[in-house]
Structure formats: C-alpha cells, structure tokens
C-alpha cells in the first residue's frame, strides 16, 4: 500500500477570497500581456504556450474556486518565497534546466510587464495596482533563474497543460481525502509514477497519466 510522507512540510500560502472586479483586473492584466506579444509579432503558438504556463501556475497556487491573483503573486517577500518553493518542486519533479528556466522566464516576463503597466480600470478610472491592492514587486530575480544550458532557443518543451492536468487528476481522484495543499501535491507527482525520471525527462507529447 502506497504511503505518502511529506518530510519538509512546505509552507501553505494564503489566498483570500476576492470580488469579481479583482478577478477581472487580473484577467485583463494577463490579456494585456498576451496582446503585447501579438503587437511584437510573436507566433500564436508561442502566445498559447505562455497562456498555458501562466493560467496553470495561477490556478495551482490559488484555491478551489479562485486562482492566485497577480498582485498576490507579486507581494513582497511572500511572492519570492512562493517562487522559490515552485522552483524546488519542479527540480524535485525532475524537470530539465531548460524547461524550468522557460517556465520561470515566462513568469518573470509577465511580472515585468505588470510593473511597467501597473494600472487597472476601476469605476471608469485608471487606478494603480498598489493603490487598490497593496505594494507589488518582481518576485523572480536572477538568483531564481537556472543557469542557461546553452540551447539557442528558449521554448516550452514540457507541455504545461499536461502537467497541471495531471496534478488536478491526482488531487481529485487519488488524494481527495488528503489535507495536502496544491503546492504540496506537486511533491508527490514523481513518487506516484512508475519510472518517473524517464517519464518526465522524455518530455513526450502523450498523456502524463501512466498508471
């Protein structure tokens, strides 16, 4: 019988309930980021990958009914701690340096975009994010980015949608009675899979569910 033991007990990050206006602000910031890539002439396939990484990441660190919101992810100190935890989880899951760097660079670029465009529409007026929701900072520094492994192109070789879908399946059908947080569930992806290093490092296009 499989037993799950969490030795390190990673920190759970609070995600308070928010109203529909706040969720709309979050979604508009994301759409503004995707639009900036279209304006620069980036391929729709590239933008679709950015969308998968960002939407999946915010869902994973949110609650059942509400994703983590942009300014919550950029909260000083807590935001950086969350990123470090995310990086640790991905390393333990066996993702390659190239994949991890690609994910973190996508997040880094999005947060940089928000810092350059820190306004949202509220009651017909442009309002600064820090006025409405508190101080925001870039949570990813050069010290959180893995060293580049020499690849000429930074792509997203490991399909983020499959990874997040697998974690959702794991939570809903195999660990439904557990008190583990979404962040903690990720730590058990590798132990629950047969031959996990090969599965994760192959970066295959087929389903992650291989029970």
Protein backbone atom coordinates (compact mmCIF):
# COMPACT_ATOMS: atom_id res chain seq x y z
CA UNK A 1 0.00 0.00 0.00
CA UNK A 2 1.37 3.38 -1.01
CA UNK A 3 2.04 5.80 1.82
CA UNK A 4 2.79 9.48 1.30
CA UNK A 5 5.18 11.12 3.70
CA UNK A 6 5.92 14.82 3.48
CA UNK A 7 9.13 15.38 5.40
CA UNK A 8 9.67 19.02 4.62
CA UNK A 9 6.08 20.25 5.00
CA UNK A 10 6.26 23.13 2.50
CA UNK A 11 4.63 26.36 3.55
CA UNK A 12 1.00 26.92 2.59
CA UNK A 13 0.39 30.36 1.10
CA UNK A 14 -2.90 32.04 1.89
CA UNK A 15 -5.16 33.13 -0.96
CA UNK A 16 -8.06 35.20 0.39
CA UNK A 17 -11.43 35.43 -1.32
CA UNK A 18 -11.76 38.33 -3.75
CA UNK A 19 -14.59 40.01 -5.64
CA UNK A 20 -15.41 39.76 -9.32
CA UNK A 21 -13.85 43.16 -10.10
CA UNK A 22 -10.50 41.98 -8.74
CA UNK A 23 -10.67 38.81 -10.83
CA UNK A 24 -11.46 40.93 -13.86
CA UNK A 25 -8.43 43.11 -13.18
CA UNK A 26 -6.24 40.01 -13.00
CA UNK A 27 -7.59 38.65 -16.27
CA UNK A 28 -7.22 42.00 -18.02
CA UNK A 29 -3.56 42.19 -16.97
CA UNK A 30 -2.96 38.74 -18.45
CA UNK A 31 -4.73 39.65 -21.68
CA UNK A 32 -2.66 42.83 -21.90
CA UNK A 33 0.49 40.73 -21.64
CA UNK A 34 -0.66 38.40 -24.43
CA UNK A 35 -1.61 41.39 -26.59
CA UNK A 36 1.88 42.85 -26.16
CA UNK A 37 3.30 39.69 -27.73
CA UNK A 38 0.87 39.90 -30.65
CA UNK A 39 1.87 43.50 -31.26
CA UNK A 40 5.51 42.43 -31.38
CA UNK A 41 4.64 39.83 -33.99
CA UNK A 42 5.13 36.70 -31.92
CA UNK A 43 3.53 33.49 -33.19
CA UNK A 44 0.12 32.47 -31.83
CA UNK A 45 1.58 29.10 -30.88
CA UNK A 46 4.11 30.85 -28.64
CA UNK A 47 1.40 33.00 -27.06
CA UNK A 48 -0.71 29.89 -26.46
CA UNK A 49 2.16 28.31 -24.54
CA UNK A 50 2.56 31.47 -22.44
CA UNK A 51 -1.16 31.29 -21.71
CA UNK A 52 -0.92 27.67 -20.57
CA UNK A 53 2.02 28.33 -18.26
CA UNK A 54 0.51 31.43 -16.65
CA UNK A 55 -3.08 30.25 -16.29
CA UNK A 56 -1.92 26.89 -14.94
CA UNK A 57 0.51 28.47 -12.47
CA UNK A 58 -2.06 30.88 -11.05
CA UNK A 59 -4.60 28.05 -10.70
CA UNK A 60 -2.14 25.79 -8.90
CA UNK A 61 -1.36 28.38 -6.23
CA UNK A 62 -4.94 29.53 -5.81
CA UNK A 63 -7.95 27.98 -4.12
CA UNK A 64 -10.54 25.58 -5.50
CA UNK A 65 -12.72 28.41 -6.84
CA UNK A 66 -10.30 31.28 -7.29
CA UNK A 67 -6.83 31.48 -8.86
CA UNK A 68 -3.99 33.30 -7.20
CA UNK A 69 -4.15 36.89 -8.43
CA UNK A 70 -1.34 38.89 -9.99
CA UNK A 71 -0.75 41.28 -7.08
CA UNK A 72 -0.87 38.40 -4.59
CA UNK A 73 1.87 36.68 -6.58
CA UNK A 74 3.89 39.91 -6.51
CA UNK A 75 3.50 40.62 -2.81
CA UNK A 76 6.90 41.50 -1.30
CA UNK A 77 8.70 38.63 0.46
CA UNK A 78 5.79 36.17 0.22
CA UNK A 79 5.84 36.32 -3.58
CA UNK A 80 9.52 35.43 -3.75
CA UNK A 81 9.10 32.62 -1.22
CA UNK A 82 6.35 31.16 -3.39
CA UNK A 83 8.58 31.25 -6.47
CA UNK A 84 11.42 29.54 -4.62
CA UNK A 85 9.02 26.83 -3.46
CA UNK A 86 7.78 26.40 -7.02
CA UNK A 87 11.35 26.07 -8.31
CA UNK A 88 12.18 23.50 -5.64
CA UNK A 89 9.11 21.46 -6.52
CA UNK A 90 9.94 21.47 -10.22
CA UNK A 91 13.54 20.41 -9.54
CA UNK A 92 12.37 17.54 -7.35
CA UNK A 93 9.92 16.53 -10.10
CA UNK A 94 12.87 16.01 -12.44
CA UNK A 95 12.19 18.75 -14.99
CA UNK A 96 15.18 19.73 -17.11
CA UNK A 97 17.02 23.02 -16.60
CA UNK A 98 15.74 24.19 -19.98
CA UNK A 99 12.11 23.55 -19.04
CA UNK A 100 12.33 25.10 -15.60
CA UNK A 101 14.09 28.18 -16.96
CA UNK A 102 11.43 28.56 -19.65
CA UNK A 103 8.62 28.43 -17.09
CA UNK A 104 10.32 30.93 -14.77
CA UNK A 105 11.23 33.27 -17.64
CA UNK A 106 7.58 33.35 -18.70
CA UNK A 107 6.55 34.31 -15.17
CA UNK A 108 9.39 36.83 -14.94
CA UNK A 109 8.35 38.49 -18.20
CA UNK A 110 4.73 38.71 -17.09
CA UNK A 111 5.60 40.30 -13.74
CA UNK A 112 7.95 42.75 -15.51
CA UNK A 113 5.09 43.68 -17.86
CA UNK A 114 2.82 44.39 -14.88
CA UNK A 115 5.46 46.59 -13.23
CA UNK A 116 5.74 48.56 -16.49
CA UNK A 117 1.93 48.78 -16.82
CA UNK A 118 0.72 48.96 -13.19
CA UNK A 119 -2.78 50.30 -13.93
CA UNK A 120 -6.25 48.78 -14.00
CA UNK A 121 -9.68 50.24 -14.74
CA UNK A 122 -11.80 50.75 -11.62
CA UNK A 123 -15.12 52.62 -11.73
CA UNK A 124 -14.20 54.23 -15.03
CA UNK A 125 -10.80 55.46 -13.87
CA UNK A 126 -7.24 54.27 -14.25
CA UNK A 127 -6.00 53.21 -10.82
CA UNK A 128 -2.58 52.00 -9.78
CA UNK A 129 -2.47 48.39 -8.62
CA UNK A 130 -0.62 49.32 -5.43
CA UNK A 131 -3.35 51.82 -4.54
CA UNK A 132 -6.04 49.16 -4.79
CA UNK A 133 -4.29 46.00 -3.67
CA UNK A 134 -1.00 46.91 -1.99
CA UNK A 135 2.67 47.03 -2.91
CA UNK A 136 3.91 44.83 -5.75
CA UNK A 137 7.45 43.76 -6.63
CA UNK A 138 9.16 41.44 -9.09
CA UNK A 139 9.22 38.08 -7.27
CA UNK A 140 11.75 36.47 -9.63
CA UNK A 141 15.34 37.68 -9.61
CA UNK A 142 18.36 36.34 -11.48
CA UNK A 143 19.06 34.16 -8.45
CA UNK A 144 15.83 32.18 -9.01
CA UNK A 145 16.57 31.56 -12.71
CA UNK A 146 18.52 28.39 -13.50
CA UNK A 147 21.72 28.83 -15.50
CA UNK A 148 21.07 28.57 -19.23
CA UNK A 149 22.17 25.20 -20.57
CA UNK A 150 23.29 26.52 -23.95
CA UNK A 151 20.14 25.94 -26.00
CA UNK A 152 19.79 28.57 -28.69
CA UNK A 153 16.02 28.89 -28.31
CA UNK A 154 14.00 29.17 -25.13
CA UNK A 155 10.87 27.15 -25.75
CA UNK A 156 8.47 25.27 -23.52
CA UNK A 157 9.28 21.61 -24.28
CA UNK A 158 7.27 20.11 -21.43
CA UNK A 159 3.56 20.77 -22.06
CA UNK A 160 2.39 22.78 -19.02
CA UNK A 161 -1.26 21.90 -19.57
CA UNK A 162 -0.49 18.19 -19.21
CA UNK A 163 1.48 18.79 -16.04
CA UNK A 164 -1.26 20.86 -14.40
CA UNK A 165 -3.99 18.48 -15.61
CA UNK A 166 -2.12 15.59 -14.04
CA UNK A 167 -1.83 17.40 -10.72
CA UNK A 168 -5.57 18.13 -10.81
CA UNK A 169 -6.34 14.47 -11.52
CA UNK A 170 -4.03 13.42 -8.70
CA UNK A 171 -5.76 15.75 -6.27
CA UNK A 172 -9.35 14.96 -7.27
CA UNK A 173 -9.19 11.18 -7.72
CA UNK A 174 -6.25 9.82 -5.75
CA UNK A 175 -5.76 12.22 -2.85
CA UNK A 176 -9.30 13.50 -2.45
CA UNK A 177 -9.35 12.79 1.28
CA UNK A 178 -5.94 14.33 1.94
CA UNK A 179 -5.42 17.70 3.56
CA UNK A 180 -2.48 18.44 1.30
CA UNK A 181 -2.37 21.81 -0.41
CA UNK A 182 -1.99 22.11 -4.17
CA UNK A 183 1.59 23.16 -3.61
CA UNK A 184 2.25 20.03 -1.55
CA UNK A 185 0.53 17.72 -4.04
CA UNK A 186 3.14 18.52 -6.64
CA UNK A 187 5.82 16.96 -4.45
CA UNK A 188 4.15 13.56 -4.85
CA UNK A 189 3.92 13.54 -8.65
CA UNK A 190 7.19 11.67 -9.12
CA UNK A 191 6.75 9.01 -6.37
CA UNK A 192 3.32 8.03 -7.72
CA UNK A 193 4.53 7.40 -11.26
CA UNK A 194 6.26 4.27 -12.49
CA UNK A 195 9.81 5.05 -13.64
CA UNK A 196 9.35 8.81 -13.09
CA UNK A 197 12.71 10.17 -14.33
CA UNK A 198 12.25 8.67 -17.77
CA UNK A 199 8.62 9.81 -17.99
CA UNK A 200 9.35 13.37 -17.01
CA UNK A 201 12.58 13.80 -18.91
CA UNK A 202 11.26 12.34 -22.16
CA UNK A 203 9.01 15.42 -22.43
CA UNK A 204 6.63 13.37 -24.51
CA UNK A 205 3.53 14.59 -26.29
CA UNK A 206 1.33 11.83 -24.92
CA UNK A 207 -0.72 11.90 -21.73
CA UNK A 208 1.03 12.16 -18.40
CA UNK A 209 -1.38 9.69 -16.83
CA UNK A 210 0.53 6.40 -16.97
CA UNK A 211 -0.78 4.32 -14.07
